[in-house]
N, C-alpha and C. Protein backbone atom coordinates (compact mmCIF):
# COMPACT_ATOMS: atom_id res chain seq x y z
N MET A 1 -14.18 -109.15 78.67
CA MET A 1 -13.15 -108.77 77.74
C MET A 1 -12.19 -107.76 78.35
N ALA A 2 -12.67 -106.92 79.25
CA ALA A 2 -11.81 -105.91 79.85
C ALA A 2 -10.74 -106.53 80.75
N THR A 3 -10.99 -107.75 81.27
CA THR A 3 -10.01 -108.39 82.13
C THR A 3 -9.05 -109.29 81.35
N ASP A 4 -9.23 -109.40 80.05
CA ASP A 4 -8.36 -110.22 79.21
C ASP A 4 -6.96 -109.60 79.17
N PRO A 5 -5.89 -110.35 79.53
CA PRO A 5 -4.54 -109.77 79.53
C PRO A 5 -4.08 -109.35 78.14
N HIS A 6 -4.57 -110.02 77.09
CA HIS A 6 -4.18 -109.62 75.74
C HIS A 6 -4.78 -108.26 75.37
N HIS A 7 -5.95 -107.96 75.91
CA HIS A 7 -6.58 -106.67 75.67
C HIS A 7 -5.73 -105.55 76.27
N LYS A 8 -5.25 -105.76 77.51
CA LYS A 8 -4.41 -104.76 78.16
C LYS A 8 -3.08 -104.63 77.45
N THR A 9 -2.51 -105.72 77.00
CA THR A 9 -1.24 -105.68 76.29
C THR A 9 -1.39 -104.90 74.98
N GLY A 10 -2.47 -105.16 74.25
CA GLY A 10 -2.72 -104.43 73.02
C GLY A 10 -2.92 -102.95 73.25
N ARG A 11 -3.65 -102.63 74.32
CA ARG A 11 -3.89 -101.22 74.65
C ARG A 11 -2.58 -100.54 75.04
N ASP A 12 -1.74 -101.23 75.82
CA ASP A 12 -0.44 -100.67 76.20
C ASP A 12 0.44 -100.47 74.98
N GLY A 13 0.39 -101.41 74.04
CA GLY A 13 1.18 -101.29 72.82
C GLY A 13 0.75 -100.10 71.98
N ARG A 14 -0.55 -99.92 71.86
CA ARG A 14 -1.06 -98.75 71.12
C ARG A 14 -0.66 -97.46 71.81
N MET A 15 -0.72 -97.44 73.15
CA MET A 15 -0.33 -96.25 73.88
C MET A 15 1.15 -95.95 73.67
N ALA A 16 2.00 -96.97 73.74
CA ALA A 16 3.43 -96.76 73.54
C ALA A 16 3.70 -96.23 72.13
N GLY A 17 3.06 -96.81 71.15
CA GLY A 17 3.24 -96.35 69.78
C GLY A 17 2.78 -94.92 69.59
N PHE A 18 1.64 -94.59 70.18
CA PHE A 18 1.11 -93.23 70.08
C PHE A 18 2.05 -92.23 70.76
N VAL A 19 2.54 -92.59 71.95
CA VAL A 19 3.43 -91.67 72.68
C VAL A 19 4.71 -91.45 71.90
N ILE A 20 5.30 -92.51 71.35
CA ILE A 20 6.54 -92.37 70.60
C ILE A 20 6.31 -91.55 69.34
N ALA A 21 5.23 -91.83 68.62
CA ALA A 21 4.96 -91.09 67.38
C ALA A 21 4.67 -89.61 67.66
N MET A 22 3.86 -89.34 68.66
CA MET A 22 3.53 -87.94 68.97
C MET A 22 4.74 -87.20 69.53
N THR A 23 5.56 -87.88 70.30
CA THR A 23 6.77 -87.24 70.82
C THR A 23 7.67 -86.83 69.66
N GLY A 24 7.85 -87.73 68.70
CA GLY A 24 8.68 -87.40 67.55
C GLY A 24 8.11 -86.25 66.74
N ALA A 25 6.80 -86.26 66.51
CA ALA A 25 6.17 -85.20 65.73
C ALA A 25 6.24 -83.86 66.46
N LEU A 26 5.91 -83.86 67.74
CA LEU A 26 5.95 -82.62 68.50
C LEU A 26 7.38 -82.10 68.66
N TRP A 27 8.31 -83.01 68.81
CA TRP A 27 9.71 -82.62 68.94
C TRP A 27 10.19 -81.95 67.65
N GLY A 28 9.83 -82.55 66.52
CA GLY A 28 10.19 -81.94 65.24
C GLY A 28 9.58 -80.56 65.08
N GLY A 29 8.31 -80.42 65.47
CA GLY A 29 7.66 -79.12 65.41
C GLY A 29 8.30 -78.11 66.34
N ALA A 30 8.69 -78.57 67.52
CA ALA A 30 9.33 -77.67 68.47
C ALA A 30 10.72 -77.24 67.99
N ILE A 31 11.44 -78.14 67.33
CA ILE A 31 12.75 -77.78 66.77
C ILE A 31 12.56 -76.69 65.71
N TRP A 32 11.57 -76.89 64.85
CA TRP A 32 11.30 -75.89 63.81
C TRP A 32 10.92 -74.55 64.45
N ALA A 33 10.00 -74.60 65.42
CA ALA A 33 9.55 -73.37 66.07
C ALA A 33 10.71 -72.68 66.79
N GLY A 34 11.56 -73.45 67.44
CA GLY A 34 12.69 -72.86 68.14
C GLY A 34 13.65 -72.16 67.21
N ASN A 35 13.89 -72.76 66.04
CA ASN A 35 14.77 -72.10 65.07
C ASN A 35 14.08 -70.91 64.41
N HIS A 36 12.80 -71.04 64.14
CA HIS A 36 12.06 -69.97 63.47
C HIS A 36 11.88 -68.74 64.36
N PHE A 37 11.62 -68.96 65.64
CA PHE A 37 11.36 -67.86 66.56
C PHE A 37 12.57 -67.51 67.43
N ASN A 38 13.71 -68.08 67.11
CA ASN A 38 14.97 -67.77 67.82
C ASN A 38 14.87 -67.97 69.33
N TRP A 39 14.40 -69.16 69.74
CA TRP A 39 14.35 -69.47 71.16
C TRP A 39 15.77 -69.56 71.70
N SER A 40 15.91 -69.35 72.99
CA SER A 40 17.23 -69.45 73.62
C SER A 40 17.68 -70.91 73.67
N VAL A 41 18.97 -71.08 73.88
CA VAL A 41 19.53 -72.43 73.97
C VAL A 41 18.93 -73.18 75.15
N GLN A 42 18.66 -72.48 76.24
CA GLN A 42 18.07 -73.12 77.41
C GLN A 42 16.68 -73.65 77.09
N THR A 43 15.89 -72.89 76.37
CA THR A 43 14.54 -73.32 76.02
C THR A 43 14.60 -74.52 75.08
N LYS A 44 15.50 -74.48 74.11
CA LYS A 44 15.65 -75.62 73.20
C LYS A 44 16.11 -76.86 73.97
N GLY A 45 16.98 -76.66 74.94
CA GLY A 45 17.42 -77.78 75.77
C GLY A 45 16.30 -78.37 76.59
N LEU A 46 15.43 -77.52 77.11
CA LEU A 46 14.27 -77.99 77.87
C LEU A 46 13.33 -78.81 76.98
N VAL A 47 13.13 -78.34 75.73
CA VAL A 47 12.30 -79.09 74.78
C VAL A 47 12.93 -80.46 74.51
N ASP A 48 14.26 -80.48 74.34
CA ASP A 48 14.95 -81.75 74.11
C ASP A 48 14.79 -82.70 75.30
N LEU A 49 14.87 -82.17 76.50
CA LEU A 49 14.69 -83.02 77.70
C LEU A 49 13.27 -83.56 77.79
N MET A 50 12.29 -82.75 77.44
CA MET A 50 10.90 -83.23 77.45
C MET A 50 10.71 -84.32 76.41
N ALA A 51 11.31 -84.16 75.24
CA ALA A 51 11.22 -85.19 74.21
C ALA A 51 11.91 -86.47 74.67
N LEU A 52 13.05 -86.32 75.31
CA LEU A 52 13.75 -87.49 75.84
C LEU A 52 12.88 -88.23 76.85
N ALA A 53 12.19 -87.49 77.70
CA ALA A 53 11.30 -88.11 78.68
C ALA A 53 10.18 -88.87 77.99
N GLY A 54 9.61 -88.32 76.92
CA GLY A 54 8.57 -89.01 76.17
C GLY A 54 9.08 -90.30 75.54
N PHE A 55 10.27 -90.25 74.95
CA PHE A 55 10.84 -91.46 74.35
C PHE A 55 11.18 -92.51 75.40
N VAL A 56 11.69 -92.08 76.54
CA VAL A 56 12.00 -93.03 77.62
C VAL A 56 10.72 -93.67 78.13
N PHE A 57 9.66 -92.89 78.28
CA PHE A 57 8.38 -93.45 78.71
C PHE A 57 7.90 -94.51 77.73
N GLY A 58 7.96 -94.22 76.44
CA GLY A 58 7.57 -95.20 75.44
C GLY A 58 8.42 -96.46 75.50
N LEU A 59 9.72 -96.29 75.73
CA LEU A 59 10.61 -97.44 75.84
C LEU A 59 10.29 -98.27 77.08
N VAL A 60 9.98 -97.63 78.20
CA VAL A 60 9.64 -98.35 79.42
C VAL A 60 8.35 -99.15 79.23
N VAL A 61 7.36 -98.55 78.61
CA VAL A 61 6.10 -99.27 78.37
C VAL A 61 6.35 -100.46 77.44
N THR A 62 7.16 -100.26 76.40
CA THR A 62 7.48 -101.35 75.49
C THR A 62 8.23 -102.47 76.21
N TYR A 63 9.15 -102.13 77.09
CA TYR A 63 9.88 -103.13 77.87
C TYR A 63 8.93 -103.91 78.77
N ARG A 64 7.97 -103.21 79.39
CA ARG A 64 6.99 -103.91 80.24
C ARG A 64 6.16 -104.89 79.43
N ILE A 65 5.77 -104.51 78.22
CA ILE A 65 5.01 -105.41 77.35
C ILE A 65 5.84 -106.62 77.01
N TRP A 66 7.11 -106.42 76.68
CA TRP A 66 8.00 -107.52 76.34
C TRP A 66 8.15 -108.47 77.53
N ARG A 67 8.33 -107.91 78.74
CA ARG A 67 8.47 -108.76 79.93
C ARG A 67 7.21 -109.58 80.18
N LYS A 68 6.03 -108.95 80.02
CA LYS A 68 4.78 -109.68 80.22
C LYS A 68 4.64 -110.81 79.22
N SER A 69 5.01 -110.57 77.98
CA SER A 69 4.88 -111.62 76.96
C SER A 69 5.85 -112.76 77.24
N ARG A 70 7.04 -112.47 77.77
CA ARG A 70 8.00 -113.53 78.09
C ARG A 70 7.49 -114.34 79.28
N GLN A 71 6.93 -113.68 80.28
CA GLN A 71 6.41 -114.40 81.44
C GLN A 71 5.22 -115.26 81.04
N HIS A 72 4.40 -114.75 80.11
CA HIS A 72 3.24 -115.50 79.65
C HIS A 72 3.68 -116.73 78.85
N ASP A 73 4.73 -116.61 78.06
CA ASP A 73 5.23 -117.72 77.26
C ASP A 73 5.88 -118.79 78.13
N GLU A 74 6.58 -118.37 79.20
CA GLU A 74 7.29 -119.32 80.06
C GLU A 74 6.37 -119.99 81.06
N GLY A 75 5.39 -119.27 81.53
CA GLY A 75 4.59 -119.80 82.62
C GLY A 75 3.20 -119.95 82.25
């Protein structure tokens, strides 16, 4: 079962969903914390860049899943 390609695709999909959801939740919390504790603009910008990296990672994983499913359907 561990070598089943559908198992890996499902696991990758869950990971992408988890990363995107947690990035959004943590980003929202960091925005609140930054406003509440008066973080500098540079620190808030760094938090935004880290959130952007998390969203891009989730998008890349999702794109890889889509490509694998297209290759599986065609070939």
